[in-house]
Every structure is written in structure tokens, then in C-alpha cells.
Amino acid sequence: MIEFNRYPHVGAVIEYYAKKLNNNKIVDLLKTGISSEGEAIVYGEFIITMIDHIAQDMQNDISVLGSKDNTSMIPDIDYEVSLYLANRGLEDIWDKLCDES
């Protein structure tokens, strides 16, 4: 299970967008956790896509989890994703994905 200890709202927003975008793999990863480089890549790529959707929803005045502007969550998302992957020895994957986006 992926836990969001410092910023629990990050888990809520990831789950929201995983369901909104019909990404069952991410929904499953939230329950089971990440155990491979391949899963870390799938998760990281989803997070980057999700951040784009957060910005689009804000621009389109769409309320998500009670707020129309969730862009302030982006540093919290980065913190939680970085910490989680680093604790599994997969931080280089997140760093590479961020550099490429």
C-alpha cells in the first residue's frame, strides 16, 4: 500500500484522478504498493499526467475535491512521490521522469 503520511490529501487527489482517467493500474498500485522499476515508471508517468490534468481542471474552472485550484498541491505531490520511491531505492526513476517532462 502506498501511504501518504505527511500529506494525506495527496493520496486523495491521486486516487481521484486515477479513477477519473480510468487508470486501474494506478488504483491497484495505491493498494499494493510499488515493487519494481516498471511499476515506478508507470506510477511516475501517471503523476506527471495527473499534474497536467490538475492545471487543466483549474483553467476550466472544474472543482476537484472541493477546490477549483489544486495547483498548490504540486509540491506536496512531489514530496510524497519522491519520498516513497526513494524509500524503495527508485528515486532515480522519478528524477529522470521529472527532468524529461
PDB file of N, CA and C in Angstrom:
ATOM      1  N   MET A   1       0.844  -1.184   0.000  1.00  0.00           N
ATOM      2  CA  MET A   1       0.000   0.000   0.000  1.00  0.00           C
ATOM      3  C   MET A   1       0.889   1.246   0.000  1.00  0.00           C
ATOM      4  N   ILE A   2       0.512   2.198  -0.822  1.00  0.00           N
ATOM      5  CA  ILE A   2       1.245   3.457  -0.830  1.00  0.00           C
ATOM      6  C   ILE A   2       0.622   4.340   0.251  1.00  0.00           C
ATOM      7  N   GLU A   3       1.446   4.759   1.188  1.00  0.00           N
ATOM      8  CA  GLU A   3       0.966   5.602   2.282  1.00  0.00           C
ATOM      9  C   GLU A   3       1.444   7.033   2.074  1.00  0.00           C
ATOM     10  N   PHE A   4       0.605   7.950   2.466  1.00  0.00           N
ATOM     11  CA  PHE A   4       0.903   9.378   2.359  1.00  0.00           C
ATOM     12  C   PHE A   4       0.842   9.945   3.767  1.00  0.00           C
ATOM     13  N   ASN A   5       1.950   9.837   4.464  1.00  0.00           N
ATOM     14  CA  ASN A   5       1.975  10.172   5.885  1.00  0.00           C
ATOM     15  C   ASN A   5       1.962  11.662   6.165  1.00  0.00           C
ATOM     16  N   ARG A   6       2.729  12.408   5.427  1.00  0.00           N
ATOM     17  CA  ARG A   6       2.828  13.842   5.714  1.00  0.00           C
ATOM     18  C   ARG A   6       1.679  14.627   5.084  1.00  0.00           C
ATOM     19  N   TYR A   7       1.317  14.240   3.864  1.00  0.00           N
ATOM     20  CA  TYR A   7       0.274  14.947   3.133  1.00  0.00           C
ATOM     21  C   TYR A   7      -0.792  13.957   2.660  1.00  0.00           C
ATOM     22  N   PRO A   8      -1.720  13.582   3.524  1.00  0.00           N
ATOM     23  CA  PRO A   8      -2.732  12.594   3.134  1.00  0.00           C
ATOM     24  C   PRO A   8      -3.610  13.031   1.965  1.00  0.00           C
ATOM     25  N   HIS A   9      -3.748  14.348   1.749  1.00  0.00           N
ATOM     26  CA  HIS A   9      -4.548  14.824   0.621  1.00  0.00           C
ATOM     27  C   HIS A   9      -3.948  14.415  -0.723  1.00  0.00           C
ATOM     28  N   VAL A  10      -2.662  14.113  -0.743  1.00  0.00           N
ATOM     29  CA  VAL A  10      -2.021  13.660  -1.977  1.00  0.00           C
ATOM     30  C   VAL A  10      -2.623  12.324  -2.411  1.00  0.00           C
ATOM     31  N   GLY A  11      -2.824  11.434  -1.470  1.00  0.00           N
ATOM     32  CA  GLY A  11      -3.447  10.161  -1.792  1.00  0.00           C
ATOM     33  C   GLY A  11      -4.840  10.333  -2.358  1.00  0.00           C
ATOM     34  N   ALA A  12      -5.578  11.270  -1.789  1.00  0.00           N
ATOM     35  CA  ALA A  12      -6.941  11.520  -2.258  1.00  0.00           C
ATOM     36  C   ALA A  12      -6.946  12.050  -3.687  1.00  0.00           C
ATOM     37  N   VAL A  13      -6.050  12.958  -4.004  1.00  0.00           N
ATOM     38  CA  VAL A  13      -6.032  13.530  -5.351  1.00  0.00           C
ATOM     39  C   VAL A  13      -5.538  12.503  -6.369  1.00  0.00           C
ATOM     40  N   ILE A  14      -4.560  11.677  -5.993  1.00  0.00           N
ATOM     41  CA  ILE A  14      -4.086  10.636  -6.919  1.00  0.00           C
ATOM     42  C   ILE A  14      -5.209   9.633  -7.183  1.00  0.00           C
ATOM     43  N   GLU A  15      -5.893   9.222  -6.135  1.00  0.00           N
ATOM     44  CA  GLU A  15      -6.996   8.285  -6.313  1.00  0.00           C
ATOM     45  C   GLU A  15      -8.104   8.900  -7.177  1.00  0.00           C
ATOM     46  N   TYR A  16      -8.418  10.164  -6.930  1.00  0.00           N
ATOM     47  CA  TYR A  16      -9.452  10.850  -7.718  1.00  0.00           C
ATOM     48  C   TYR A  16      -9.105  10.802  -9.206  1.00  0.00           C
ATOM     49  N   TYR A  17      -7.887  11.215  -9.566  1.00  0.00           N
ATOM     50  CA  TYR A  17      -7.516  11.266 -10.975  1.00  0.00           C
ATOM     51  C   TYR A  17      -7.335   9.872 -11.568  1.00  0.00           C
ATOM     52  N   ALA A  18      -6.871   8.917 -10.793  1.00  0.00           N
ATOM     53  CA  ALA A  18      -6.745   7.548 -11.299  1.00  0.00           C
ATOM     54  C   ALA A  18      -8.120   7.025 -11.717  1.00  0.00           C
ATOM     55  N   LYS A  19      -9.113   7.306 -10.892  1.00  0.00           N
ATOM     56  CA  LYS A  19     -10.477   6.874 -11.226  1.00  0.00           C
ATOM     57  C   LYS A  19     -11.053   7.695 -12.374  1.00  0.00           C
ATOM     58  N   LYS A  20     -10.836   9.002 -12.346  1.00  0.00           N
ATOM     59  CA  LYS A  20     -11.351   9.880 -13.402  1.00  0.00           C
ATOM     60  C   LYS A  20     -10.783   9.481 -14.760  1.00  0.00           C
ATOM     61  N   LEU A  21      -9.512   9.102 -14.781  1.00  0.00           N
ATOM     62  CA  LEU A  21      -8.840   8.753 -16.033  1.00  0.00           C
ATOM     63  C   LEU A  21      -8.914   7.255 -16.328  1.00  0.00           C
ATOM     64  N   ASN A  22      -9.710   6.543 -15.524  1.00  0.00           N
ATOM     65  CA  ASN A  22      -9.890   5.093 -15.704  1.00  0.00           C
ATOM     66  C   ASN A  22      -8.565   4.340 -15.730  1.00  0.00           C
ATOM     67  N   ASN A  23      -7.661   4.719 -14.840  1.00  0.00           N
ATOM     68  CA  ASN A  23      -6.359   4.066 -14.774  1.00  0.00           C
ATOM     69  C   ASN A  23      -6.373   3.055 -13.625  1.00  0.00           C
ATOM     70  N   ASN A  24      -6.855   1.869 -13.936  1.00  0.00           N
ATOM     71  CA  ASN A  24      -6.965   0.830 -12.918  1.00  0.00           C
ATOM     72  C   ASN A  24      -5.614   0.366 -12.395  1.00  0.00           C
ATOM     73  N   LYS A  25      -4.575   0.477 -13.208  1.00  0.00           N
ATOM     74  CA  LYS A  25      -3.234   0.093 -12.752  1.00  0.00           C
ATOM     75  C   LYS A  25      -2.806   0.974 -11.573  1.00  0.00           C
ATOM     76  N   ILE A  26      -3.075   2.251 -11.647  1.00  0.00           N
ATOM     77  CA  ILE A  26      -2.717   3.162 -10.561  1.00  0.00           C
ATOM     78  C   ILE A  26      -3.577   2.879  -9.331  1.00  0.00           C
ATOM     79  N   VAL A  27      -4.864   2.630  -9.542  1.00  0.00           N
ATOM     80  CA  VAL A  27      -5.737   2.274  -8.416  1.00  0.00           C
ATOM     81  C   VAL A  27      -5.181   1.036  -7.716  1.00  0.00           C
ATOM     82  N   ASP A  28      -4.746   0.051  -8.493  1.00  0.00           N
ATOM     83  CA  ASP A  28      -4.165  -1.165  -7.918  1.00  0.00           C
ATOM     84  C   ASP A  28      -2.848  -0.870  -7.196  1.00  0.00           C
ATOM     85  N   LEU A  29      -1.994  -0.040  -7.801  1.00  0.00           N
ATOM     86  CA  LEU A  29      -0.709   0.288  -7.167  1.00  0.00           C
ATOM     87  C   LEU A  29      -0.907   1.017  -5.841  1.00  0.00           C
ATOM     88  N   LEU A  30      -1.928   1.840  -5.756  1.00  0.00           N
ATOM     89  CA  LEU A  30      -2.210   2.532  -4.495  1.00  0.00           C
ATOM     90  C   LEU A  30      -2.522   1.527  -3.395  1.00  0.00           C
ATOM     91  N   LYS A  31      -3.116   0.398  -3.765  1.00  0.00           N
ATOM     92  CA  LYS A  31      -3.466  -0.631  -2.788  1.00  0.00           C
ATOM     93  C   LYS A  31      -2.316  -1.581  -2.489  1.00  0.00           C
ATOM     94  N   THR A  32      -1.534  -1.913  -3.520  1.00  0.00           N
ATOM     95  CA  THR A  32      -0.497  -2.936  -3.354  1.00  0.00           C
ATOM     96  C   THR A  32       0.894  -2.378  -3.128  1.00  0.00           C
ATOM     97  N   GLY A  33       1.130  -1.151  -3.566  1.00  0.00           N
ATOM     98  CA  GLY A  33       2.470  -0.569  -3.471  1.00  0.00           C
ATOM     99  C   GLY A  33       3.274  -0.863  -4.731  1.00  0.00           C
ATOM    100  N   ILE A  34       4.447  -0.270  -4.790  1.00  0.00           N
ATOM    101  CA  ILE A  34       5.332  -0.393  -5.949  1.00  0.00           C
ATOM    102  C   ILE A  34       6.491  -1.291  -5.579  1.00  0.00           C
ATOM    103  N   SER A  35       6.735  -2.297  -6.426  1.00  0.00           N
ATOM    104  CA  SER A  35       7.794  -3.246  -6.107  1.00  0.00           C
ATOM    105  C   SER A  35       8.791  -3.454  -7.236  1.00  0.00           C
ATOM    106  N   SER A  36       8.662  -2.678  -8.321  1.00  0.00           N
ATOM    107  CA  SER A  36       9.596  -2.852  -9.434  1.00  0.00           C
ATOM    108  C   SER A  36       9.840  -1.519 -10.131  1.00  0.00           C
ATOM    109  N   GLU A  37      10.893  -1.498 -10.932  1.00  0.00           N
ATOM    110  CA  GLU A  37      11.188  -0.299 -11.711  1.00  0.00           C
ATOM    111  C   GLU A  37      10.070  -0.005 -12.701  1.00  0.00           C
ATOM    112  N   GLY A  38       9.527  -1.042 -13.304  1.00  0.00           N
ATOM    113  CA  GLY A  38       8.444  -0.859 -14.267  1.00  0.00           C
ATOM    114  C   GLY A  38       7.227  -0.205 -13.630  1.00  0.00           C
ATOM    115  N   GLU A  39       6.877  -0.663 -12.433  1.00  0.00           N
ATOM    116  CA  GLU A  39       5.750  -0.058 -11.728  1.00  0.00           C
ATOM    117  C   GLU A  39       6.055   1.379 -11.344  1.00  0.00           C
ATOM    118  N   ALA A  40       7.292   1.654 -10.972  1.00  0.00           N
ATOM    119  CA  ALA A  40       7.680   3.023 -10.620  1.00  0.00           C
ATOM    120  C   ALA A  40       7.565   3.948 -11.825  1.00  0.00           C
ATOM    121  N   ILE A  41       7.903   3.441 -12.998  1.00  0.00           N
ATOM    122  CA  ILE A  41       7.787   4.245 -14.219  1.00  0.00           C
ATOM    123  C   ILE A  41       6.321   4.521 -14.522  1.00  0.00           C
ATOM    124  N   VAL A  42       5.484   3.493 -14.444  1.00  0.00           N
ATOM    125  CA  VAL A  42       4.047   3.669 -14.689  1.00  0.00           C
ATOM    126  C   VAL A  42       3.470   4.692 -13.719  1.00  0.00           C
ATOM    127  N   TYR A  43       3.826   4.572 -12.455  1.00  0.00           N
ATOM    128  CA  TYR A  43       3.345   5.487 -11.420  1.00  0.00           C
ATOM    129  C   TYR A  43       3.830   6.912 -11.680  1.00  0.00           C
ATOM    130  N   GLY A  44       5.117   7.065 -11.940  1.00  0.00           N
ATOM    131  CA  GLY A  44       5.685   8.387 -12.188  1.00  0.00           C
ATOM    132  C   GLY A  44       5.089   9.054 -13.417  1.00  0.00           C
ATOM    133  N   GLU A  45       4.919   8.284 -14.492  1.00  0.00           N
ATOM    134  CA  GLU A  45       4.318   8.849 -15.702  1.00  0.00           C
ATOM    135  C   GLU A  45       2.877   9.289 -15.434  1.00  0.00           C
ATOM    136  N   PHE A  46       2.158   8.499 -14.634  1.00  0.00           N
ATOM    137  CA  PHE A  46       0.800   8.884 -14.286  1.00  0.00           C
ATOM    138  C   PHE A  46       0.795  10.187 -13.485  1.00  0.00           C
ATOM    139  N   ILE A  47       1.700  10.312 -12.540  1.00  0.00           N
ATOM    140  CA  ILE A  47       1.746  11.516 -11.702  1.00  0.00           C
ATOM    141  C   ILE A  47       1.970  12.751 -12.563  1.00  0.00           C
ATOM    142  N   ILE A  48       2.847  12.654 -13.527  1.00  0.00           N
ATOM    143  CA  ILE A  48       3.106  13.791 -14.413  1.00  0.00           C
ATOM    144  C   ILE A  48       1.859  14.120 -15.240  1.00  0.00           C
ATOM    145  N   THR A  49       1.193  13.107 -15.757  1.00  0.00           N
ATOM    146  CA  THR A  49      -0.069  13.310 -16.483  1.00  0.00           C
ATOM    147  C   THR A  49      -1.113  13.933 -15.574  1.00  0.00           C
ATOM    148  N   MET A  50      -1.183  13.442 -14.346  1.00  0.00           N
ATOM    149  CA  MET A  50      -2.148  13.953 -13.382  1.00  0.00           C
ATOM    150  C   MET A  50      -1.923  15.439 -13.105  1.00  0.00           C
ATOM    151  N   ILE A  51      -0.675  15.836 -12.977  1.00  0.00           N
ATOM    152  CA  ILE A  51      -0.356  17.249 -12.724  1.00  0.00           C
ATOM    153  C   ILE A  51      -0.850  18.116 -13.881  1.00  0.00           C
ATOM    154  N   ASP A  52      -0.701  17.616 -15.100  1.00  0.00           N
ATOM    155  CA  ASP A  52      -1.242  18.348 -16.256  1.00  0.00           C
ATOM    156  C   ASP A  52      -2.761  18.484 -16.139  1.00  0.00           C
ATOM    157  N   HIS A  53      -3.434  17.421 -15.697  1.00  0.00           N
ATOM    158  CA  HIS A  53      -4.886  17.469 -15.542  1.00  0.00           C
ATOM    159  C   HIS A  53      -5.311  18.412 -14.418  1.00  0.00           C
ATOM    160  N   ILE A  54      -4.517  18.475 -13.363  1.00  0.00           N
ATOM    161  CA  ILE A  54      -4.811  19.430 -12.285  1.00  0.00           C
ATOM    162  C   ILE A  54      -4.819  20.852 -12.849  1.00  0.00           C
ATOM    163  N   ALA A  55      -3.812  21.170 -13.660  1.00  0.00           N
ATOM    164  CA  ALA A  55      -3.733  22.507 -14.258  1.00  0.00           C
ATOM    165  C   ALA A  55      -4.888  22.751 -15.237  1.00  0.00           C
ATOM    166  N   GLN A  56      -5.222  21.746 -16.033  1.00  0.00           N
ATOM    167  CA  GLN A  56      -6.327  21.891 -16.981  1.00  0.00           C
ATOM    168  C   GLN A  56      -7.659  22.095 -16.254  1.00  0.00           C
ATOM    169  N   ASP A  57      -7.870  21.328 -15.203  1.00  0.00           N
ATOM    170  CA  ASP A  57      -9.113  21.474 -14.439  1.00  0.00           C
ATOM    171  C   ASP A  57      -9.220  22.861 -13.820  1.00  0.00           C
ATOM    172  N   MET A  58      -8.094  23.387 -13.352  1.00  0.00           N
ATOM    173  CA  MET A  58      -8.113  24.739 -12.794  1.00  0.00           C
ATOM    174  C   MET A  58      -8.479  25.752 -13.885  1.00  0.00           C
ATOM    175  N   GLN A  59      -7.859  25.623 -15.046  1.00  0.00           N
ATOM    176  CA  GLN A  59      -8.129  26.550 -16.148  1.00  0.00           C
ATOM    177  C   GLN A  59      -9.575  26.453 -16.631  1.00  0.00           C
ATOM    178  N   ASN A  60     -10.156  25.271 -16.514  1.00  0.00           N
ATOM    179  CA  ASN A  60     -11.540  25.055 -16.955  1.00  0.00           C
ATOM    180  C   ASN A  60     -12.550  25.240 -15.827  1.00  0.00           C
ATOM    181  N   ASP A  61     -12.065  25.743 -14.688  1.00  0.00           N
ATOM    182  CA  ASP A  61     -12.930  26.064 -13.552  1.00  0.00           C
ATOM    183  C   ASP A  61     -13.692  24.828 -13.036  1.00  0.00           C
ATOM    184  N   ILE A  62     -13.004  23.686 -13.039  1.00  0.00           N
ATOM    185  CA  ILE A  62     -13.591  22.428 -12.575  1.00  0.00           C
ATOM    186  C   ILE A  62     -13.175  22.196 -11.127  1.00  0.00           C
ATOM    187  N   SER A  63     -14.143  21.958 -10.285  1.00  0.00           N
ATOM    188  CA  SER A  63     -13.876  21.697  -8.872  1.00  0.00           C
ATOM    189  C   SER A  63     -13.471  20.236  -8.682  1.00  0.00           C
ATOM    190  N   VAL A  64     -12.362  20.049  -7.995  1.00  0.00           N
ATOM    191  CA  VAL A  64     -11.855  18.717  -7.682  1.00  0.00           C
ATOM    192  C   VAL A  64     -11.614  18.654  -6.187  1.00  0.00           C
ATOM    193  N   LEU A  65     -12.264  17.713  -5.541  1.00  0.00           N
ATOM    194  CA  LEU A  65     -12.131  17.531  -4.097  1.00  0.00           C
ATOM    195  C   LEU A  65     -12.414  18.833  -3.347  1.00  0.00           C
ATOM    196  N   GLY A  66     -13.404  19.567  -3.835  1.00  0.00           N
ATOM    197  CA  GLY A  66     -13.846  20.782  -3.159  1.00  0.00           C
ATOM    198  C   GLY A  66     -13.068  22.037  -3.484  1.00  0.00           C
ATOM    199  N   SER A  67     -12.135  21.957  -4.432  1.00  0.00           N
ATOM    200  CA  SER A  67     -11.346  23.135  -4.786  1.00  0.00           C
ATOM    201  C   SER A  67     -11.214  23.240  -6.300  1.00  0.00           C
ATOM    202  N   LYS A  68     -11.243  24.474  -6.792  1.00  0.00           N
ATOM    203  CA  LYS A  68     -11.067  24.694  -8.225  1.00  0.00           C
ATOM    204  C   LYS A  68      -9.599  24.911  -8.596  1.00  0.00           C
ATOM    205  N   ASP A  69      -8.753  25.124  -7.608  1.00  0.00           N
ATOM    206  CA  ASP A  69      -7.324  25.298  -7.859  1.00  0.00           C
ATOM    207  C   ASP A  69      -6.539  24.408  -6.909  1.00  0.00           C
ATOM    208  N   ASN A  70      -6.112  23.276  -7.428  1.00  0.00           N
ATOM    209  CA  ASN A  70      -5.323  22.329  -6.637  1.00  0.00           C
ATOM    210  C   ASN A  70      -3.842  22.379  -6.996  1.00  0.00           C
ATOM    211  N   THR A  71      -3.437  23.415  -7.727  1.00  0.00           N
ATOM    212  CA  THR A  71      -2.036  23.514  -8.119  1.00  0.00           C
ATOM    213  C   THR A  71      -1.112  23.680  -6.912  1.00  0.00           C
ATOM    214  N   SER A  72      -1.647  24.177  -5.809  1.00  0.00           N
ATOM    215  CA  SER A  72      -0.814  24.319  -4.608  1.00  0.00           C
ATOM    216  C   SER A  72      -0.412  22.961  -4.040  1.00  0.00           C
ATOM    217  N   MET A  73      -1.066  21.885  -4.475  1.00  0.00           N
ATOM    218  CA  MET A  73      -0.721  20.531  -4.029  1.00  0.00           C
ATOM    219  C   MET A  73       0.519  19.974  -4.724  1.00  0.00           C
ATOM    220  N   ILE A  74       0.930  20.587  -5.810  1.00  0.00           N
ATOM    221  CA  ILE A  74       2.014  20.022  -6.615  1.00  0.00           C
ATOM    222  C   ILE A  74       3.295  19.812  -5.803  1.00  0.00           C
ATOM    223  N   PRO A  75       3.752  20.756  -4.978  1.00  0.00           N
ATOM    224  CA  PRO A  75       4.942  20.468  -4.160  1.00  0.00           C
ATOM    225  C   PRO A  75       4.725  19.301  -3.189  1.00  0.00           C
ATOM    226  N   ASP A  76       3.514  19.182  -2.658  1.00  0.00           N
ATOM    227  CA  ASP A  76       3.205  18.068  -1.755  1.00  0.00           C
ATOM    228  C   ASP A  76       3.245  16.739  -2.510  1.00  0.00           C
ATOM    229  N   ILE A  77       2.730  16.736  -3.727  1.00  0.00           N
ATOM    230  CA  ILE A  77       2.755  15.539  -4.567  1.00  0.00           C
ATOM    231  C   ILE A  77       4.195  15.136  -4.831  1.00  0.00           C
ATOM    232  N   ASP A  78       5.018  16.104  -5.227  1.00  0.00           N
ATOM    233  CA  ASP A  78       6.429  15.826  -5.495  1.00  0.00           C
ATOM    234  C   ASP A  78       7.110  15.255  -4.252  1.00  0.00           C
ATOM    235  N   TYR A  79       6.848  15.842  -3.104  1.00  0.00           N
ATOM    236  CA  TYR A  79       7.453  15.369  -1.858  1.00  0.00           C
ATOM    237  C   TYR A  79       7.078  13.909  -1.595  1.00  0.00           C
ATOM    238  N   GLU A  80       5.786  13.615  -1.659  1.00  0.00           N
ATOM    239  CA  GLU A  80       5.319  12.257  -1.345  1.00  0.00           C
ATOM    240  C   GLU A  80       5.831  11.228  -2.354  1.00  0.00           C
ATOM    241  N   VAL A  81       5.788  11.558  -3.637  1.00  0.00           N
ATOM    242  CA  VAL A  81       6.261  10.629  -4.658  1.00  0.00           C
ATOM    243  C   VAL A  81       7.761  10.413  -4.505  1.00  0.00           C
ATOM    244  N   SER A  82       8.500  11.495  -4.325  1.00  0.00           N
ATOM    245  CA  SER A  82       9.955  11.391  -4.152  1.00  0.00           C
ATOM    246  C   SER A  82      10.312  10.534  -2.945  1.00  0.00           C
ATOM    247  N   LEU A  83       9.664  10.803  -1.826  1.00  0.00           N
ATOM    248  CA  LEU A  83       9.954  10.066  -0.595  1.00  0.00           C
ATOM    249  C   LEU A  83       9.609   8.588  -0.745  1.00  0.00           C
ATOM    250  N   TYR A  84       8.443   8.300  -1.275  1.00  0.00           N
ATOM    251  CA  TYR A  84       8.019   6.916  -1.426  1.00  0.00           C
ATOM    252  C   TYR A  84       8.990   6.141  -2.314  1.00  0.00           C
ATOM    253  N   LEU A  85       9.318   6.692  -3.476  1.00  0.00           N
ATOM    254  CA  LEU A  85      10.223   5.990  -4.383  1.00  0.00           C
ATOM    255  C   LEU A  85      11.639   5.918  -3.833  1.00  0.00           C
ATOM    256  N   ALA A  86      12.089   6.950  -3.146  1.00  0.00           N
ATOM    257  CA  ALA A  86      13.422   6.923  -2.546  1.00  0.00           C
ATOM    258  C   ALA A  86      13.525   5.823  -1.501  1.00  0.00           C
ATOM    259  N   ASN A  87      12.484   5.632  -0.727  1.00  0.00           N
ATOM    260  CA  ASN A  87      12.488   4.583   0.293  1.00  0.00           C
ATOM    261  C   ASN A  87      12.540   3.190  -0.315  1.00  0.00           C
ATOM    262  N   ARG A  88      12.268   3.080  -1.599  1.00  0.00           N
ATOM    263  CA  ARG A  88      12.329   1.805  -2.292  1.00  0.00           C
ATOM    264  C   ARG A  88      13.539   1.723  -3.234  1.00  0.00           C
ATOM    265  N   GLY A  89      14.413   2.707  -3.154  1.00  0.00           N
ATOM    266  CA  GLY A  89      15.605   2.714  -3.999  1.00  0.00           C
ATOM    267  C   GLY A  89      15.316   3.045  -5.450  1.00  0.00           C
ATOM    268  N   LEU A  90      14.186   3.716  -5.701  1.00  0.00           N
ATOM    269  CA  LEU A  90      13.756   4.009  -7.066  1.00  0.00           C
ATOM    270  C   LEU A  90      13.697   5.506  -7.358  1.00  0.00           C
ATOM    271  N   GLU A  91      14.376   6.310  -6.551  1.00  0.00           N
ATOM    272  CA  GLU A  91      14.284   7.759  -6.713  1.00  0.00           C
ATOM    273  C   GLU A  91      14.830   8.246  -8.050  1.00  0.00           C
ATOM    274  N   ASP A  92      15.783   7.517  -8.642  1.00  0.00           N
ATOM    275  CA  ASP A  92      16.339   7.934  -9.933  1.00  0.00           C
ATOM    276  C   ASP A  92      15.282   7.934 -11.029  1.00  0.00           C
ATOM    277  N   ILE A  93      14.310   7.041 -10.916  1.00  0.00           N
ATOM    278  CA  ILE A  93      13.248   6.981 -11.924  1.00  0.00           C
ATOM    279  C   ILE A  93      12.423   8.262 -11.887  1.00  0.00           C
ATOM    280  N   TRP A  94      12.030   8.683 -10.694  1.00  0.00           N
ATOM    281  CA  TRP A  94      11.239   9.907 -10.568  1.00  0.00           C
ATOM    282  C   TRP A  94      12.040  11.111 -11.042  1.00  0.00           C
ATOM    283  N   ASP A  95      13.308  11.181 -10.655  1.00  0.00           N
ATOM    284  CA  ASP A  95      14.165  12.287 -11.081  1.00  0.00           C
ATOM    285  C   ASP A  95      14.256  12.356 -12.606  1.00  0.00           C
ATOM    286  N   LYS A  96      14.438  11.202 -13.245  1.00  0.00           N
ATOM    287  CA  LYS A  96      14.553  11.156 -14.705  1.00  0.00           C
ATOM    288  C   LYS A  96      13.251  11.590 -15.368  1.00  0.00           C
ATOM    289  N   LEU A  97      12.127  11.077 -14.860  1.00  0.00           N
ATOM    290  CA  LEU A  97      10.829  11.454 -15.430  1.00  0.00           C
ATOM    291  C   LEU A  97      10.568  12.951 -15.297  1.00  0.00           C
ATOM    292  N   CYS A  98      10.922  13.514 -14.162  1.00  0.00           N
ATOM    293  CA  CYS A  98      10.745  14.964 -13.961  1.00  0.00           C
ATOM    294  C   CYS A  98      11.630  15.761 -14.908  1.00  0.00           C
ATOM    295  N   ASP A  99      12.858  15.304 -15.093  1.00  0.00           N
ATOM    296  CA  ASP A  99      13.779  16.006 -15.986  1.00  0.00           C
ATOM    297  C   ASP A  99      13.281  15.965 -17.446  1.00  0.00           C
ATOM    298  N   GLU A 100      12.634  14.872 -17.815  1.00  0.00           N
ATOM    299  CA  GLU A 100      12.159  14.701 -19.178  1.00  0.00           C
ATOM    300  C   GLU A 100      10.847  15.429 -19.459  1.00  0.00           C
ATOM    301  N   SER A 101      10.126  15.797 -18.402  1.00  0.00           N
ATOM    302  CA  SER A 101       8.806  16.410 -18.646  1.00  0.00           C
ATOM    303  C   SER A 101       8.898  17.904 -18.813  1.00  0.00           C
TER     304      SER A 101
END
